[in-house]
């Protein structure tokens, strides 16, 4: 989580409020992840929201683990870095898949 690429956020956290994680919800139409009725992370693609590692949706699990807590500035920045990392992971996976003609590789 230290790559300089992670500082190029693809998301925003535009609304002021309590920063408390109350209910985590993704709205596909506007690419938002809501943490409470007033606040959200904007610009989160559906593919990133749905990306799973170990059977968990990373973006959802990270926020749900913080339910009932207020996100600090560092928490918000860290979450935005997670989204960048997942977006880049998906891009690289697609690039690799395009180079491999079929499975299994013989």
PDB file of N, CA and C in Angstrom:
ATOM      1  N   UNK A   1       0.825  -1.196   0.000  1.00  0.00           N
ATOM      2  CA  UNK A   1       0.000   0.000   0.000  1.00  0.00           C
ATOM      3  C   UNK A   1       0.867   1.257   0.000  1.00  0.00           C
ATOM      4  N   UNK A   2       2.101   1.125  -0.493  1.00  0.00           N
ATOM      5  CA  UNK A   2       2.997   2.272  -0.494  1.00  0.00           C
ATOM      6  C   UNK A   2       3.356   2.753  -1.893  1.00  0.00           C
ATOM      7  N   UNK A   3       2.835   2.133  -2.915  1.00  0.00           N
ATOM      8  CA  UNK A   3       3.146   2.546  -4.277  1.00  0.00           C
ATOM      9  C   UNK A   3       2.628   3.965  -4.530  1.00  0.00           C
ATOM     10  N   UNK A   4       3.419   4.785  -5.214  1.00  0.00           N
ATOM     11  CA  UNK A   4       2.967   6.146  -5.544  1.00  0.00           C
ATOM     12  C   UNK A   4       1.705   6.150  -6.412  1.00  0.00           C
ATOM     13  N   UNK A   5       1.476   5.060  -7.167  1.00  0.00           N
ATOM     14  CA  UNK A   5       0.265   4.959  -7.996  1.00  0.00           C
ATOM     15  C   UNK A   5      -1.005   5.057  -7.153  1.00  0.00           C
ATOM     16  N   UNK A   6      -0.921   4.608  -5.921  1.00  0.00           N
ATOM     17  CA  UNK A   6      -2.105   4.587  -5.060  1.00  0.00           C
ATOM     18  C   UNK A   6      -2.563   5.975  -4.644  1.00  0.00           C
ATOM     19  N   UNK A   7      -1.712   6.963  -4.842  1.00  0.00           N
ATOM     20  CA  UNK A   7      -2.075   8.335  -4.491  1.00  0.00           C
ATOM     21  C   UNK A   7      -2.907   9.017  -5.565  1.00  0.00           C
ATOM     22  N   UNK A   8      -3.085   8.364  -6.709  1.00  0.00           N
ATOM     23  CA  UNK A   8      -3.922   8.897  -7.781  1.00  0.00           C
ATOM     24  C   UNK A   8      -5.339   8.351  -7.608  1.00  0.00           C
ATOM     25  N   UNK A   9      -6.058   8.922  -6.669  1.00  0.00           N
ATOM     26  CA  UNK A   9      -7.392   8.432  -6.331  1.00  0.00           C
ATOM     27  C   UNK A   9      -8.338   8.490  -7.527  1.00  0.00           C
ATOM     28  N   UNK A  10      -9.167   7.462  -7.644  1.00  0.00           N
ATOM     29  CA  UNK A  10     -10.223   7.436  -8.656  1.00  0.00           C
ATOM     30  C   UNK A  10     -11.570   7.737  -8.002  1.00  0.00           C
ATOM     31  N   UNK A  11     -11.549   7.949  -6.701  1.00  0.00           N
ATOM     32  CA  UNK A  11     -12.769   8.192  -5.937  1.00  0.00           C
ATOM     33  C   UNK A  11     -12.706   9.553  -5.257  1.00  0.00           C
ATOM     34  N   UNK A  12     -13.855   9.953  -4.773  1.00  0.00           N
ATOM     35  CA  UNK A  12     -13.940  11.161  -3.969  1.00  0.00           C
ATOM     36  C   UNK A  12     -14.710  10.863  -2.698  1.00  0.00           C
ATOM     37  N   UNK A  13     -14.629  11.753  -1.751  1.00  0.00           N
ATOM     38  CA  UNK A  13     -15.410  11.677  -0.513  1.00  0.00           C
ATOM     39  C   UNK A  13     -15.908  13.102  -0.268  1.00  0.00           C
ATOM     40  N   UNK A  14     -16.891  13.540  -1.096  1.00  0.00           N
ATOM     41  CA  UNK A  14     -17.224  14.950  -1.193  1.00  0.00           C
ATOM     42  C   UNK A  14     -18.100  15.556  -0.102  1.00  0.00           C
ATOM     43  N   UNK A  15     -18.906  14.769   0.564  1.00  0.00           N
ATOM     44  CA  UNK A  15     -19.891  15.332   1.501  1.00  0.00           C
ATOM     45  C   UNK A  15     -19.358  15.385   2.927  1.00  0.00           C
ATOM     46  N   UNK A  16     -19.559  16.511   3.566  1.00  0.00           N
ATOM     47  CA  UNK A  16     -19.175  16.645   4.971  1.00  0.00           C
ATOM     48  C   UNK A  16     -20.251  16.006   5.847  1.00  0.00           C
ATOM     49  N   UNK A  17     -19.818  15.531   6.997  1.00  0.00           N
ATOM     50  CA  UNK A  17     -20.748  14.902   7.926  1.00  0.00           C
ATOM     51  C   UNK A  17     -19.993  14.280   9.082  1.00  0.00           C
ATOM     52  N   UNK A  18     -20.626  13.292   9.693  1.00  0.00           N
ATOM     53  CA  UNK A  18     -20.067  12.662  10.889  1.00  0.00           C
ATOM     54  C   UNK A  18     -18.940  11.679  10.590  1.00  0.00           C
ATOM     55  N   UNK A  19     -18.862  11.202   9.346  1.00  0.00           N
ATOM     56  CA  UNK A  19     -17.897  10.170   8.922  1.00  0.00           C
ATOM     57  C   UNK A  19     -18.165   8.823   9.590  1.00  0.00           C
ATOM     58  N   UNK A  20     -19.323   8.671  10.213  1.00  0.00           N
ATOM     59  CA  UNK A  20     -19.644   7.416  10.882  1.00  0.00           C
ATOM     60  C   UNK A  20     -20.194   6.401   9.887  1.00  0.00           C
ATOM     61  N   UNK A  21     -19.647   5.196   9.972  1.00  0.00           N
ATOM     62  CA  UNK A  21     -20.123   4.107   9.116  1.00  0.00           C
ATOM     63  C   UNK A  21     -21.380   3.541   9.766  1.00  0.00           C
ATOM     64  N   UNK A  22     -22.515   3.756   9.120  1.00  0.00           N
ATOM     65  CA  UNK A  22     -23.793   3.276   9.643  1.00  0.00           C
ATOM     66  C   UNK A  22     -24.313   2.096   8.835  1.00  0.00           C
ATOM     67  N   UNK A  23     -24.489   2.315   7.540  1.00  0.00           N
ATOM     68  CA  UNK A  23     -24.976   1.259   6.654  1.00  0.00           C
ATOM     69  C   UNK A  23     -24.211   1.366   5.342  1.00  0.00           C
ATOM     70  N   UNK A  24     -23.577   0.288   4.950  1.00  0.00           N
ATOM     71  CA  UNK A  24     -22.760   0.271   3.737  1.00  0.00           C
ATOM     72  C   UNK A  24     -23.621  -0.199   2.576  1.00  0.00           C
ATOM     73  N   UNK A  25     -23.636   0.630   1.523  1.00  0.00           N
ATOM     74  CA  UNK A  25     -24.470   0.301   0.367  1.00  0.00           C
ATOM     75  C   UNK A  25     -23.838   0.879  -0.896  1.00  0.00           C
ATOM     76  N   UNK A  26     -23.808   0.084  -1.958  1.00  0.00           N
ATOM     77  CA  UNK A  26     -23.300   0.542  -3.252  1.00  0.00           C
ATOM     78  C   UNK A  26     -24.479   0.828  -4.167  1.00  0.00           C
ATOM     79  N   UNK A  27     -24.453   1.985  -4.812  1.00  0.00           N
ATOM     80  CA  UNK A  27     -25.463   2.295  -5.820  1.00  0.00           C
ATOM     81  C   UNK A  27     -24.757   2.313  -7.169  1.00  0.00           C
ATOM     82  N   UNK A  28     -25.137   1.356  -8.013  1.00  0.00           N
ATOM     83  CA  UNK A  28     -24.467   1.148  -9.295  1.00  0.00           C
ATOM     84  C   UNK A  28     -24.658   2.331 -10.240  1.00  0.00           C
ATOM     85  N   UNK A  29     -25.841   2.900 -10.237  1.00  0.00           N
ATOM     86  CA  UNK A  29     -26.166   3.971 -11.178  1.00  0.00           C
ATOM     87  C   UNK A  29     -25.196   5.148 -11.072  1.00  0.00           C
ATOM     88  N   UNK A  30     -24.906   5.579  -9.848  1.00  0.00           N
ATOM     89  CA  UNK A  30     -24.031   6.732  -9.661  1.00  0.00           C
ATOM     90  C   UNK A  30     -22.641   6.361  -9.130  1.00  0.00           C
ATOM     91  N   UNK A  31     -22.350   5.063  -9.053  1.00  0.00           N
ATOM     92  CA  UNK A  31     -21.033   4.548  -8.630  1.00  0.00           C
ATOM     93  C   UNK A  31     -20.630   5.078  -7.254  1.00  0.00           C
ATOM     94  N   UNK A  32     -21.566   5.023  -6.326  1.00  0.00           N
ATOM     95  CA  UNK A  32     -21.292   5.509  -4.976  1.00  0.00           C
ATOM     96  C   UNK A  32     -21.360   4.377  -3.960  1.00  0.00           C
ATOM     97  N   UNK A  33     -20.501   4.474  -2.956  1.00  0.00           N
ATOM     98  CA  UNK A  33     -20.590   3.600  -1.792  1.00  0.00           C
ATOM     99  C   UNK A  33     -20.968   4.489  -0.621  1.00  0.00           C
ATOM    100  N   UNK A  34     -22.179   4.282  -0.153  1.00  0.00           N
ATOM    101  CA  UNK A  34     -22.721   5.080   0.945  1.00  0.00           C
ATOM    102  C   UNK A  34     -22.306   4.483   2.273  1.00  0.00           C
ATOM    103  N   UNK A  35     -21.905   5.358   3.209  1.00  0.00           N
ATOM    104  CA  UNK A  35     -21.574   4.884   4.554  1.00  0.00           C
ATOM    105  C   UNK A  35     -22.617   5.344   5.567  1.00  0.00           C
ATOM    106  N   UNK A  36     -23.387   6.347   5.203  1.00  0.00           N
ATOM    107  CA  UNK A  36     -24.506   6.841   6.004  1.00  0.00           C
ATOM    108  C   UNK A  36     -25.397   7.646   5.062  1.00  0.00           C
ATOM    109  N   UNK A  37     -26.541   8.156   5.510  1.00  0.00           N
ATOM    110  CA  UNK A  37     -27.457   8.833   4.578  1.00  0.00           C
ATOM    111  C   UNK A  37     -26.883  10.072   3.890  1.00  0.00           C
ATOM    112  N   UNK A  38     -25.832  10.661   4.427  1.00  0.00           N
ATOM    113  CA  UNK A  38     -25.280  11.887   3.854  1.00  0.00           C
ATOM    114  C   UNK A  38     -23.942  11.712   3.143  1.00  0.00           C
ATOM    115  N   UNK A  39     -23.198  10.675   3.474  1.00  0.00           N
ATOM    116  CA  UNK A  39     -21.824  10.575   2.989  1.00  0.00           C
ATOM    117  C   UNK A  39     -21.570   9.309   2.177  1.00  0.00           C
ATOM    118  N   UNK A  40     -20.672   9.469   1.204  1.00  0.00           N
ATOM    119  CA  UNK A  40     -20.375   8.372   0.281  1.00  0.00           C
ATOM    120  C   UNK A  40     -19.003   8.571  -0.355  1.00  0.00           C
ATOM    121  N   UNK A  41     -18.475   7.465  -0.869  1.00  0.00           N
ATOM    122  CA  UNK A  41     -17.304   7.495  -1.737  1.00  0.00           C
ATOM    123  C   UNK A  41     -17.838   7.486  -3.155  1.00  0.00           C
ATOM    124  N   UNK A  42     -17.429   8.437  -3.969  1.00  0.00           N
ATOM    125  CA  UNK A  42     -17.912   8.527  -5.344  1.00  0.00           C
ATOM    126  C   UNK A  42     -16.917   7.886  -6.306  1.00  0.00           C
ATOM    127  N   UNK A  43     -17.429   7.489  -7.470  1.00  0.00           N
ATOM    128  CA  UNK A  43     -16.566   6.982  -8.533  1.00  0.00           C
ATOM    129  C   UNK A  43     -16.067   5.570  -8.355  1.00  0.00           C
ATOM    130  N   UNK A  44     -16.805   4.743  -7.626  1.00  0.00           N
ATOM    131  CA  UNK A  44     -16.377   3.351  -7.404  1.00  0.00           C
ATOM    132  C   UNK A  44     -17.066   2.449  -8.427  1.00  0.00           C
ATOM    133  N   UNK A  45     -16.299   1.915  -9.387  1.00  0.00           N
ATOM    134  CA  UNK A  45     -16.902   1.042 -10.397  1.00  0.00           C
ATOM    135  C   UNK A  45     -17.486  -0.237  -9.778  1.00  0.00           C
ATOM    136  N   UNK A  46     -18.500  -0.754 -10.434  1.00  0.00           N
ATOM    137  CA  UNK A  46     -19.148  -1.986  -9.976  1.00  0.00           C
ATOM    138  C   UNK A  46     -18.130  -3.129  -9.862  1.00  0.00           C
ATOM    139  N   UNK A  47     -17.210  -3.210 -10.815  1.00  0.00           N
ATOM    140  CA  UNK A  47     -16.214  -4.297 -10.802  1.00  0.00           C
ATOM    141  C   UNK A  47     -15.347  -4.238  -9.548  1.00  0.00           C
ATOM    142  N   UNK A  48     -15.019  -3.030  -9.101  1.00  0.00           N
ATOM    143  CA  UNK A  48     -14.228  -2.874  -7.881  1.00  0.00           C
ATOM    144  C   UNK A  48     -15.074  -3.231  -6.665  1.00  0.00           C
ATOM    145  N   UNK A  49     -16.314  -2.756  -6.612  1.00  0.00           N
ATOM    146  CA  UNK A  49     -17.212  -3.056  -5.502  1.00  0.00           C
ATOM    147  C   UNK A  49     -17.395  -4.554  -5.345  1.00  0.00           C
ATOM    148  N   UNK A  50     -17.516  -5.282  -6.459  1.00  0.00           N
ATOM    149  CA  UNK A  50     -17.803  -6.721  -6.423  1.00  0.00           C
ATOM    150  C   UNK A  50     -16.548  -7.590  -6.312  1.00  0.00           C
ATOM    151  N   UNK A  51     -15.362  -7.009  -6.413  1.00  0.00           N
ATOM    152  CA  UNK A  51     -14.127  -7.793  -6.396  1.00  0.00           C
ATOM    153  C   UNK A  51     -13.979  -8.533  -5.070  1.00  0.00           C
ATOM    154  N   UNK A  52     -13.692  -9.840  -5.181  1.00  0.00           N
ATOM    155  CA  UNK A  52     -13.588 -10.674  -3.983  1.00  0.00           C
ATOM    156  C   UNK A  52     -12.195 -11.252  -3.822  1.00  0.00           C
ATOM    157  N   UNK A  53     -11.791 -11.329  -2.569  1.00  0.00           N
ATOM    158  CA  UNK A  53     -10.570 -12.047  -2.187  1.00  0.00           C
ATOM    159  C   UNK A  53     -10.961 -12.929  -1.006  1.00  0.00           C
ATOM    160  N   UNK A  54     -10.702 -14.214  -1.122  1.00  0.00           N
ATOM    161  CA  UNK A  54     -11.028 -15.138  -0.048  1.00  0.00           C
ATOM    162  C   UNK A  54     -12.520 -15.207   0.257  1.00  0.00           C
ATOM    163  N   UNK A  55     -13.343 -14.988  -0.763  1.00  0.00           N
ATOM    164  CA  UNK A  55     -14.787 -15.077  -0.586  1.00  0.00           C
ATOM    165  C   UNK A  55     -15.447 -13.821  -0.035  1.00  0.00           C
ATOM    166  N   UNK A  56     -14.672 -12.774   0.188  1.00  0.00           N
ATOM    167  CA  UNK A  56     -15.224 -11.517   0.711  1.00  0.00           C
ATOM    168  C   UNK A  56     -15.108 -10.414  -0.319  1.00  0.00           C
ATOM    169  N   UNK A  57     -16.129  -9.581  -0.389  1.00  0.00           N
ATOM    170  CA  UNK A  57     -16.047  -8.365  -1.185  1.00  0.00           C
ATOM    171  C   UNK A  57     -15.204  -7.380  -0.388  1.00  0.00           C
ATOM    172  N   UNK A  58     -14.034  -7.073  -0.906  1.00  0.00           N
ATOM    173  CA  UNK A  58     -13.048  -6.278  -0.175  1.00  0.00           C
ATOM    174  C   UNK A  58     -13.605  -4.926   0.260  1.00  0.00           C
ATOM    175  N   UNK A  59     -14.197  -4.190  -0.675  1.00  0.00           N
ATOM    176  CA  UNK A  59     -14.690  -2.838  -0.363  1.00  0.00           C
ATOM    177  C   UNK A  59     -15.788  -2.871   0.698  1.00  0.00           C
ATOM    178  N   UNK A  60     -16.678  -3.828   0.590  1.00  0.00           N
ATOM    179  CA  UNK A  60     -17.770  -3.939   1.559  1.00  0.00           C
ATOM    180  C   UNK A  60     -17.248  -4.360   2.930  1.00  0.00           C
ATOM    181  N   UNK A  61     -16.401  -5.390   2.948  1.00  0.00           N
ATOM    182  CA  UNK A  61     -15.915  -5.931   4.223  1.00  0.00           C
ATOM    183  C   UNK A  61     -15.132  -4.897   5.015  1.00  0.00           C
ATOM    184  N   UNK A  62     -14.271  -4.141   4.342  1.00  0.00           N
ATOM    185  CA  UNK A  62     -13.451  -3.155   5.041  1.00  0.00           C
ATOM    186  C   UNK A  62     -14.346  -2.148   5.765  1.00  0.00           C
ATOM    187  N   UNK A  63     -15.374  -1.677   5.099  1.00  0.00           N
ATOM    188  CA  UNK A  63     -16.278  -0.707   5.725  1.00  0.00           C
ATOM    189  C   UNK A  63     -17.153  -1.354   6.794  1.00  0.00           C
ATOM    190  N   UNK A  64     -17.682  -2.544   6.515  1.00  0.00           N
ATOM    191  CA  UNK A  64     -18.541  -3.207   7.505  1.00  0.00           C
ATOM    192  C   UNK A  64     -17.784  -3.523   8.791  1.00  0.00           C
ATOM    193  N   UNK A  65     -16.490  -3.792   8.681  1.00  0.00           N
ATOM    194  CA  UNK A  65     -15.673  -4.033   9.872  1.00  0.00           C
ATOM    195  C   UNK A  65     -15.538  -2.772  10.723  1.00  0.00           C
ATOM    196  N   UNK A  66     -15.885  -1.634  10.154  1.00  0.00           N
ATOM    197  CA  UNK A  66     -15.798  -0.355  10.873  1.00  0.00           C
ATOM    198  C   UNK A  66     -17.172   0.230  11.196  1.00  0.00           C
ATOM    199  N   UNK A  67     -18.194  -0.589  11.072  1.00  0.00           N
ATOM    200  CA  UNK A  67     -19.563  -0.131  11.362  1.00  0.00           C
ATOM    201  C   UNK A  67     -19.651   0.367  12.805  1.00  0.00           C
ATOM    202  N   UNK A  68     -20.289   1.543  12.957  1.00  0.00           N
ATOM    203  CA  UNK A  68     -20.425   2.146  14.267  1.00  0.00           C
ATOM    204  C   UNK A  68     -19.252   3.027  14.665  1.00  0.00           C
ATOM    205  N   UNK A  69     -18.256   3.102  13.805  1.00  0.00           N
ATOM    206  CA  UNK A  69     -17.076   3.935  14.076  1.00  0.00           C
ATOM    207  C   UNK A  69     -17.041   5.123  13.125  1.00  0.00           C
ATOM    208  N   UNK A  70     -16.325   6.147  13.533  1.00  0.00           N
ATOM    209  CA  UNK A  70     -16.105   7.303  12.665  1.00  0.00           C
ATOM    210  C   UNK A  70     -14.797   7.094  11.914  1.00  0.00           C
ATOM    211  N   UNK A  71     -14.837   7.312  10.611  1.00  0.00           N
ATOM    212  CA  UNK A  71     -13.631   7.196   9.807  1.00  0.00           C
ATOM    213  C   UNK A  71     -12.772   8.439   9.989  1.00  0.00           C
ATOM    214  N   UNK A  72     -11.498   8.225  10.234  1.00  0.00           N
ATOM    215  CA  UNK A  72     -10.554   9.329  10.338  1.00  0.00           C
ATOM    216  C   UNK A  72     -10.132   9.744   8.928  1.00  0.00           C
ATOM    217  N   UNK A  73      -9.402  10.840   8.844  1.00  0.00           N
ATOM    218  CA  UNK A  73      -8.844  11.273   7.554  1.00  0.00           C
ATOM    219  C   UNK A  73      -7.981  10.153   6.965  1.00  0.00           C
ATOM    220  N   UNK A  74      -7.153   9.531   7.800  1.00  0.00           N
ATOM    221  CA  UNK A  74      -6.286   8.438   7.344  1.00  0.00           C
ATOM    222  C   UNK A  74      -7.098   7.233   6.876  1.00  0.00           C
ATOM    223  N   UNK A  75      -8.202   6.928   7.557  1.00  0.00           N
ATOM    224  CA  UNK A  75      -9.081   5.826   7.138  1.00  0.00           C
ATOM    225  C   UNK A  75      -9.648   6.097   5.746  1.00  0.00           C
ATOM    226  N   UNK A  76     -10.121   7.310   5.539  1.00  0.00           N
ATOM    227  CA  UNK A  76     -10.721   7.683   4.250  1.00  0.00           C
ATOM    228  C   UNK A  76      -9.675   7.595   3.144  1.00  0.00           C
ATOM    229  N   UNK A  77      -8.489   8.092   3.414  1.00  0.00           N
ATOM    230  CA  UNK A  77      -7.406   8.022   2.432  1.00  0.00           C
ATOM    231  C   UNK A  77      -7.020   6.569   2.159  1.00  0.00           C
ATOM    232  N   UNK A  78      -6.935   5.750   3.195  1.00  0.00           N
ATOM    233  CA  UNK A  78      -6.583   4.335   3.042  1.00  0.00           C
ATOM    234  C   UNK A  78      -7.626   3.612   2.181  1.00  0.00           C
ATOM    235  N   UNK A  79      -8.901   3.885   2.442  1.00  0.00           N
ATOM    236  CA  UNK A  79      -9.965   3.237   1.658  1.00  0.00           C
ATOM    237  C   UNK A  79      -9.857   3.627   0.183  1.00  0.00           C
ATOM    238  N   UNK A  80      -9.563   4.880  -0.072  1.00  0.00           N
ATOM    239  CA  UNK A  80      -9.418   5.321  -1.464  1.00  0.00           C
ATOM    240  C   UNK A  80      -8.222   4.635  -2.123  1.00  0.00           C
ATOM    241  N   UNK A  81      -7.174   4.361  -1.368  1.00  0.00           N
ATOM    242  CA  UNK A  81      -6.030   3.622  -1.898  1.00  0.00           C
ATOM    243  C   UNK A  81      -6.404   2.170  -2.195  1.00  0.00           C
ATOM    244  N   UNK A  82      -7.240   1.584  -1.357  1.00  0.00           N
ATOM    245  CA  UNK A  82      -7.723   0.221  -1.597  1.00  0.00           C
ATOM    246  C   UNK A  82      -8.455   0.159  -2.934  1.00  0.00           C
ATOM    247  N   UNK A  83      -9.302   1.136  -3.187  1.00  0.00           N
ATOM    248  CA  UNK A  83     -10.066   1.171  -4.445  1.00  0.00           C
ATOM    249  C   UNK A  83      -9.110   1.268  -5.636  1.00  0.00           C
ATOM    250  N   UNK A  84      -8.087   2.111  -5.541  1.00  0.00           N
ATOM    251  CA  UNK A  84      -7.101   2.227  -6.620  1.00  0.00           C
ATOM    252  C   UNK A  84      -6.389   0.882  -6.818  1.00  0.00           C
ATOM    253  N   UNK A  85      -5.975   0.249  -5.732  1.00  0.00           N
ATOM    254  CA  UNK A  85      -5.261  -1.035  -5.818  1.00  0.00           C
ATOM    255  C   UNK A  85      -6.137  -2.103  -6.466  1.00  0.00           C
ATOM    256  N   UNK A  86      -7.398  -2.162  -6.093  1.00  0.00           N
ATOM    257  CA  UNK A  86      -8.303  -3.151  -6.691  1.00  0.00           C
ATOM    258  C   UNK A  86      -8.548  -2.850  -8.165  1.00  0.00           C
ATOM    259  N   UNK A  87      -8.709  -1.595  -8.493  1.00  0.00           N
ATOM    260  CA  UNK A  87      -8.917  -1.188  -9.887  1.00  0.00           C
ATOM    261  C   UNK A  87      -7.717  -1.596 -10.739  1.00  0.00           C
ATOM    262  N   UNK A  88      -6.521  -1.367 -10.220  1.00  0.00           N
ATOM    263  CA  UNK A  88      -5.297  -1.736 -10.927  1.00  0.00           C
ATOM    264  C   UNK A  88      -5.162  -3.261 -11.015  1.00  0.00           C
ATOM    265  N   UNK A  89      -5.540  -3.974  -9.969  1.00  0.00           N
ATOM    266  CA  UNK A  89      -5.506  -5.446  -9.981  1.00  0.00           C
ATOM    267  C   UNK A  89      -6.415  -5.992 -11.074  1.00  0.00           C
ATOM    268  N   UNK A  90      -7.615  -5.447 -11.163  1.00  0.00           N
ATOM    269  CA  UNK A  90      -8.567  -5.882 -12.195  1.00  0.00           C
ATOM    270  C   UNK A  90      -8.003  -5.603 -13.584  1.00  0.00           C
ATOM    271  N   UNK A  91      -7.408  -4.429 -13.761  1.00  0.00           N
ATOM    272  CA  UNK A  91      -6.828  -4.068 -15.055  1.00  0.00           C
ATOM    273  C   UNK A  91      -5.719  -5.052 -15.443  1.00  0.00           C
ATOM    274  N   UNK A  92      -4.841  -5.372 -14.489  1.00  0.00           N
ATOM    275  CA  UNK A  92      -3.746  -6.310 -14.770  1.00  0.00           C
ATOM    276  C   UNK A  92      -4.263  -7.721 -15.041  1.00  0.00           C
ATOM    277  N   UNK A  93      -5.277  -8.141 -14.318  1.00  0.00           N
ATOM    278  CA  UNK A  93      -5.859  -9.465 -14.551  1.00  0.00           C
ATOM    279  C   UNK A  93      -6.437  -9.555 -15.964  1.00  0.00           C
ATOM    280  N   UNK A  94      -7.117  -8.495 -16.389  1.00  0.00           N
ATOM    281  CA  UNK A  94      -7.680  -8.470 -17.746  1.00  0.00           C
ATOM    282  C   UNK A  94      -6.576  -8.505 -18.795  1.00  0.00           C
ATOM    283  N   UNK A  95      -5.492  -7.780 -18.534  1.00  0.00           N
ATOM    284  CA  UNK A  95      -4.359  -7.755 -19.456  1.00  0.00           C
ATOM    285  C   UNK A  95      -3.724  -9.140 -19.566  1.00  0.00           C
ATOM    286  N   UNK A  96      -3.553  -9.812 -18.452  1.00  0.00           N
ATOM    287  CA  UNK A  96      -2.992 -11.167 -18.450  1.00  0.00           C
ATOM    288  C   UNK A  96      -3.923 -12.130 -19.177  1.00  0.00           C
ATOM    289  N   UNK A  97      -5.211 -12.056 -18.886  1.00  0.00           N
ATOM    290  CA  UNK A  97      -6.180 -12.927 -19.554  1.00  0.00           C
ATOM    291  C   UNK A  97      -6.163 -12.747 -21.068  1.00  0.00           C
ATOM    292  N   UNK A  98      -5.948 -11.518 -21.541  1.00  0.00           N
ATOM    293  CA  UNK A  98      -5.917 -11.255 -22.970  1.00  0.00           C
ATOM    294  C   UNK A  98      -4.693 -11.874 -23.629  1.00  0.00           C
ATOM    295  N   UNK A  99      -3.614 -12.080 -22.868  1.00  0.00           N
ATOM    296  CA  UNK A  99      -2.392 -12.655 -23.413  1.00  0.00           C
ATOM    297  C   UNK A  99      -2.402 -14.173 -23.445  1.00  0.00           C
ATOM    298  N   UNK A 100      -3.286 -14.777 -22.652  1.00  0.00           N
ATOM    299  CA  UNK A 100      -3.344 -16.235 -22.570  1.00  0.00           C
ATOM    300  C   UNK A 100      -4.464 -16.713 -23.493  1.00  0.00           C
ATOM    301  N   UNK A 101      -4.112 -17.499 -24.511  1.00  0.00           N
ATOM    302  CA  UNK A 101      -5.118 -17.899 -25.503  1.00  0.00           C
ATOM    303  C   UNK A 101      -6.211 -18.817 -24.928  1.00  0.00           C
ATOM    304  N   UNK A 102      -5.855 -19.714 -24.058  1.00  0.00           N
ATOM    305  CA  UNK A 102      -6.852 -20.624 -23.475  1.00  0.00           C
ATOM    306  C   UNK A 102      -6.236 -21.336 -22.289  1.00  0.00           C
ATOM    307  N   UNK A 103      -7.118 -21.887 -21.460  1.00  0.00           N
ATOM    308  CA  UNK A 103      -6.691 -22.677 -20.310  1.00  0.00           C
ATOM    309  C   UNK A 103      -6.967 -24.134 -20.605  1.00  0.00           C
ATOM    310  N   UNK A 104      -6.250 -25.073 -20.147  1.00  0.00           N
ATOM    311  CA  UNK A 104      -4.950 -24.917 -19.497  1.00  0.00           C
ATOM    312  C   UNK A 104      -3.877 -24.587 -20.525  1.00  0.00           C
ATOM    313  N   UNK A 105      -2.824 -23.990 -20.038  1.00  0.00           N
ATOM    314  CA  UNK A 105      -1.696 -23.667 -20.911  1.00  0.00           C
ATOM    315  C   UNK A 105      -0.902 -24.950 -21.104  1.00  0.00           C
ATOM    316  N   UNK A 106      -0.704 -25.310 -22.347  1.00  0.00           N
ATOM    317  CA  UNK A 106       0.031 -26.551 -22.648  1.00  0.00           C
ATOM    318  C   UNK A 106       1.414 -26.267 -23.156  1.00  0.00           C
TER     319      UNK A 106
END
